[in-house]
C-alpha atoms as a PDB file:
ATOM      1  CA  MET A   1       0.034  -0.044   0.014  1.00  0.00           C
ATOM      2  CA  PRO A   2       1.543   3.443  -0.933  1.00  0.00           C
ATOM      3  CA  GLN A   3       2.335   5.759   1.863  1.00  0.00           C
ATOM      4  CA  ALA A   4      -0.114   8.244   1.087  1.00  0.00           C
ATOM      5  CA  GLN A   5      -3.015   5.692   1.009  1.00  0.00           C
ATOM      6  CA  ARG A   6      -1.808   4.442   4.458  1.00  0.00           C
ATOM      7  CA  GLU A   7      -1.567   7.900   5.861  1.00  0.00           C
ATOM      8  CA  SER A   8      -5.159   8.741   4.758  1.00  0.00           C
ATOM      9  CA  SER A   9      -6.477   5.377   6.345  1.00  0.00           C
ATOM     10  CA  VAL A  10      -4.537   6.009   9.617  1.00  0.00           C
ATOM     11  CA  TYR A  11      -6.198   9.612   9.562  1.00  0.00           C
ATOM     12  CA  HIS A  12      -9.609   8.112   8.973  1.00  0.00           C
ATOM     13  CA  GLU A  13      -9.273   5.613  11.942  1.00  0.00           C
ATOM     14  CA  VAL A  14      -8.131   8.113  14.278  1.00  0.00           C
ATOM     15  CA  LYS A  15     -10.832  10.505  13.215  1.00  0.00           C
ATOM     16  CA  GLY A  16     -13.372   7.633  13.647  1.00  0.00           C
ATOM     17  CA  LEU A  17     -12.015   6.946  17.029  1.00  0.00           C
ATOM     18  CA  ALA A  18     -12.156  10.648  18.108  1.00  0.00           C
ATOM     19  CA  ASP A  19     -15.738  10.759  16.748  1.00  0.00           C
ATOM     20  CA  ASN A  20     -16.615   7.657  18.876  1.00  0.00           C
ATOM     21  CA  ARG A  21     -15.206   9.046  21.898  1.00  0.00           C
ATOM     22  CA  ARG A  22     -16.941  12.465  21.408  1.00  0.00           C
ATOM     23  CA  ASN A  23     -20.398  10.540  20.995  1.00  0.00           C
ATOM     24  CA  LEU A  24     -19.655   8.314  24.075  1.00  0.00           C
ATOM     25  CA  MET A  25     -18.983  11.636  26.027  1.00  0.00           C
ATOM     26  CA  HIS A  26     -22.193  13.188  24.785  1.00  0.00           C
ATOM     27  CA  ASP A  27     -24.192  10.321  25.671  1.00  0.00           C
ATOM     28  CA  ASN A  28     -22.532  10.208  29.201  1.00  0.00           C
ATOM     29  CA  ARG A  29     -23.235  14.036  29.648  1.00  0.00           C
ATOM     30  CA  LYS A  30     -26.852  13.043  28.750  1.00  0.00           C
ATOM     31  CA  GLN A  31     -27.401  10.378  31.233  1.00  0.00           C
ATOM     32  CA  ILE A  32     -25.715  12.375  34.186  1.00  0.00           C
ATOM     33  CA  LEU A  33     -27.923  15.200  33.389  1.00  0.00           C
ATOM     34  CA  GLU A  34     -31.151  13.319  32.922  1.00  0.00           C
ATOM     35  CA  ALA A  35     -30.517  11.173  36.134  1.00  0.00           C
ATOM     36  CA  GLY A  36     -29.642  14.287  38.182  1.00  0.00           C
ATOM     37  CA  LEU A  37     -32.813  16.177  36.831  1.00  0.00           C
ATOM     38  CA  ARG A  38     -35.001  13.093  37.755  1.00  0.00           C
ATOM     39  CA  GLY A  39     -33.841  13.580  41.460  1.00  0.00           C
ATOM     40  CA  GLU A  40     -31.320  10.846  41.501  1.00  0.00           C
ATOM     41  CA  GLU A  41     -27.940  10.907  43.297  1.00  0.00           C
ATOM     42  CA  VAL A  42     -25.027  11.237  40.692  1.00  0.00           C
ATOM     43  CA  PHE A  43     -21.441  10.602  40.987  1.00  0.00           C
ATOM     44  CA  LEU A  44     -19.120  13.101  39.471  1.00  0.00           C
ATOM     45  CA  LYS A  45     -15.184  13.462  39.177  1.00  0.00           C
ATOM     46  CA  GLY A  46     -13.606  16.861  38.465  1.00  0.00           C
ATOM     47  CA  ILE A  47     -11.505  19.861  39.680  1.00  0.00           C
ATOM     48  CA  VAL A  48     -12.939  22.372  42.071  1.00  0.00           C
ATOM     49  CA  VAL A  49     -12.262  26.009  40.557  1.00  0.00           C
ATOM     50  CA  PRO A  50     -13.097  29.252  41.695  1.00  0.00           C
ATOM     51  CA  GLY A  51     -16.552  30.762  40.797  1.00  0.00           C
ATOM     52  CA  ASP A  52     -18.044  34.337  41.467  1.00  0.00           C
ATOM     53  CA  THR A  53     -16.479  37.000  43.516  1.00  0.00           C
ATOM     54  CA  ASP A  54     -18.078  39.754  45.403  1.00  0.00           C
ATOM     55  CA  GLU A  55     -17.267  43.575  44.940  1.00  0.00           C
ATOM     56  CA  ARG A  56     -14.146  43.199  47.368  1.00  0.00           C
ATOM     57  CA  LEU A  57     -13.008  40.046  45.025  1.00  0.00           C
ATOM     58  CA  THR A  58     -13.575  37.730  47.862  1.00  0.00           C
ATOM     59  CA  MET A  59     -14.644  34.163  46.117  1.00  0.00           C
ATOM     60  CA  VAL A  60     -18.262  33.694  46.976  1.00  0.00           C
ATOM     61  CA  SER A  61     -18.721  30.527  44.987  1.00  0.00           C
ATOM     62  CA  ILE A  62     -16.802  27.555  43.515  1.00  0.00           C
ATOM     63  CA  VAL A  63     -17.534  25.223  40.556  1.00  0.00           C
ATOM     64  CA  LEU A  64     -16.919  21.668  39.979  1.00  0.00           C
ATOM     65  CA  SER A  65     -15.476  21.496  36.551  1.00  0.00           C
ATOM     66  CA  THR A  66     -16.116  17.836  35.494  1.00  0.00           C
ATOM     67  CA  ASP A  67     -14.058  15.201  33.260  1.00  0.00           C
ATOM     68  CA  GLN A  68     -17.218  15.322  31.231  1.00  0.00           C
ATOM     69  CA  GLU A  69     -16.936  18.758  30.353  1.00  0.00           C
ATOM     70  CA  LEU A  70     -19.890  20.012  32.462  1.00  0.00           C
ATOM     71  CA  ASP A  71     -19.462  22.514  35.180  1.00  0.00           C
ATOM     72  CA  PHE A  72     -21.634  22.791  38.310  1.00  0.00           C
ATOM     73  CA  VAL A  73     -21.769  25.569  40.818  1.00  0.00           C
ATOM     74  CA  ILE A  74     -21.381  23.870  44.173  1.00  0.00           C
ATOM     75  CA  GLU A  75     -24.221  24.724  46.534  1.00  0.00           C
ATOM     76  CA  ARG A  76     -23.416  26.236  49.732  1.00  0.00           C
ATOM     77  CA  ASN A  77     -24.016  23.896  52.501  1.00  0.00           C
ATOM     78  CA  ALA A  78     -21.840  22.117  55.149  1.00  0.00           C
ATOM     79  CA  LYS A  79     -20.212  19.647  52.495  1.00  0.00           C
ATOM     80  CA  GLY A  80     -20.055  22.159  49.608  1.00  0.00           C
ATOM     81  CA  ASP A  81     -18.137  24.827  51.918  1.00  0.00           C
ATOM     82  CA  GLU A  82     -15.657  22.315  52.898  1.00  0.00           C
ATOM     83  CA  LEU A  83     -14.514  22.173  49.048  1.00  0.00           C
ATOM     84  CA  PHE A  84     -13.351  25.882  49.379  1.00  0.00           C
ATOM     85  CA  ASP A  85     -10.472  24.276  51.057  1.00  0.00           C
ATOM     86  CA  HIS A  86      -9.869  22.147  48.031  1.00  0.00           C
ATOM     87  CA  LEU A  87      -9.349  24.750  45.042  1.00  0.00           C
ATOM     88  CA  ARG A  88      -7.811  23.220  42.129  1.00  0.00           C
ATOM     89  CA  GLU A  89      -7.945  19.814  43.577  1.00  0.00           C
ATOM     90  CA  LEU A  90      -9.304  16.664  41.724  1.00  0.00           C
ATOM     91  CA  VAL A  91     -12.379  15.246  43.658  1.00  0.00           C
ATOM     92  CA  ARG A  92     -15.009  12.727  43.277  1.00  0.00           C
ATOM     93  CA  VAL A  93     -18.269  13.861  44.537  1.00  0.00           C
ATOM     94  CA  LYS A  94     -21.747  12.539  45.295  1.00  0.00           C
ATOM     95  CA  GLY A  95     -24.650  14.762  45.141  1.00  0.00           C
ATOM     96  CA  PHE A  96     -27.935  16.062  43.754  1.00  0.00           C
ATOM     97  CA  ILE A  97     -27.957  18.186  40.800  1.00  0.00           C
ATOM     98  CA  ARG A  98     -30.569  20.958  39.381  1.00  0.00           C
ATOM     99  CA  GLU A  99     -30.693  23.371  36.674  1.00  0.00           C
ATOM    100  CA  ASP A 100     -31.883  26.780  38.039  1.00  0.00           C
ATOM    101  CA  GLN A 101     -31.644  28.271  34.453  1.00  0.00           C
ATOM    102  CA  PRO A 102     -30.494  27.049  31.031  1.00  0.00           C
ATOM    103  CA  GLU A 103     -26.904  26.141  31.347  1.00  0.00           C
ATOM    104  CA  LYS A 104     -26.739  27.179  34.827  1.00  0.00           C
ATOM    105  CA  ARG A 105     -26.337  23.794  36.687  1.00  0.00           C
ATOM    106  CA  MET A 106     -25.958  23.361  40.541  1.00  0.00           C
ATOM    107  CA  ILE A 107     -25.004  20.520  42.650  1.00  0.00           C
ATOM    108  CA  ARG A 108     -25.676  20.024  46.360  1.00  0.00           C
ATOM    109  CA  ILE A 109     -22.580  17.842  47.677  1.00  0.00           C
ATOM    110  CA  THR A 110     -23.655  14.840  49.956  1.00  0.00           C
ATOM    111  CA  ALA A 111     -20.125  13.410  50.074  1.00  0.00           C
ATOM    112  CA  TYR A 112     -16.548  13.680  48.520  1.00  0.00           C
ATOM    113  CA  LYS A 113     -13.133  12.355  48.242  1.00  0.00           C
ATOM    114  CA  VAL A 114     -10.091  14.315  47.248  1.00  0.00           C
ATOM    115  CA  LEU A 115      -8.180  12.230  44.663  1.00  0.00           C
ATOM    116  CA  ASP A 116      -4.463  11.915  43.980  1.00  0.00           C
ATOM    117  CA  ARG A 117      -4.099  13.899  40.578  1.00  0.00           C
ATOM    118  CA  ASN A 118      -0.924  11.921  39.738  1.00  0.00           C
ATOM    119  CA  ALA A 119      -2.449   8.531  40.612  1.00  0.00           C
ATOM    120  CA  GLU A 120      -5.431   9.376  38.323  1.00  0.00           C
ATOM    121  CA  ILE A 121      -3.159  10.441  35.381  1.00  0.00           C
ATOM    122  CA  ARG A 122      -1.160   7.183  35.610  1.00  0.00           C
ATOM    123  CA  THR A 123      -4.418   5.121  35.233  1.00  0.00           C
END
């Protein structure tokens, strides 16, 4: 097989794998949102990042940026407030989600575990 044909074949194979991964991620996001909006407890993994600030630039909210490319504002409660101490750390959380407005998703954390980011990268 000529090199140009091999390269074209490899390109289409890699593109197909990327398309499959994108479709799977879309399906997973849809399942997470549907389950959460039905009132079921969900399990998510992501990084805790800063959210909104007040006029004095004090952080007043934090966000869970998930590995499914979904962002959830973390509701202020006992467990949620504990995550202020884990900014920019990888966590696995359990909780209930809701959508206050289109594309404004919230999560009420019921439990969480801080993960070792280096261990996650190796797996």
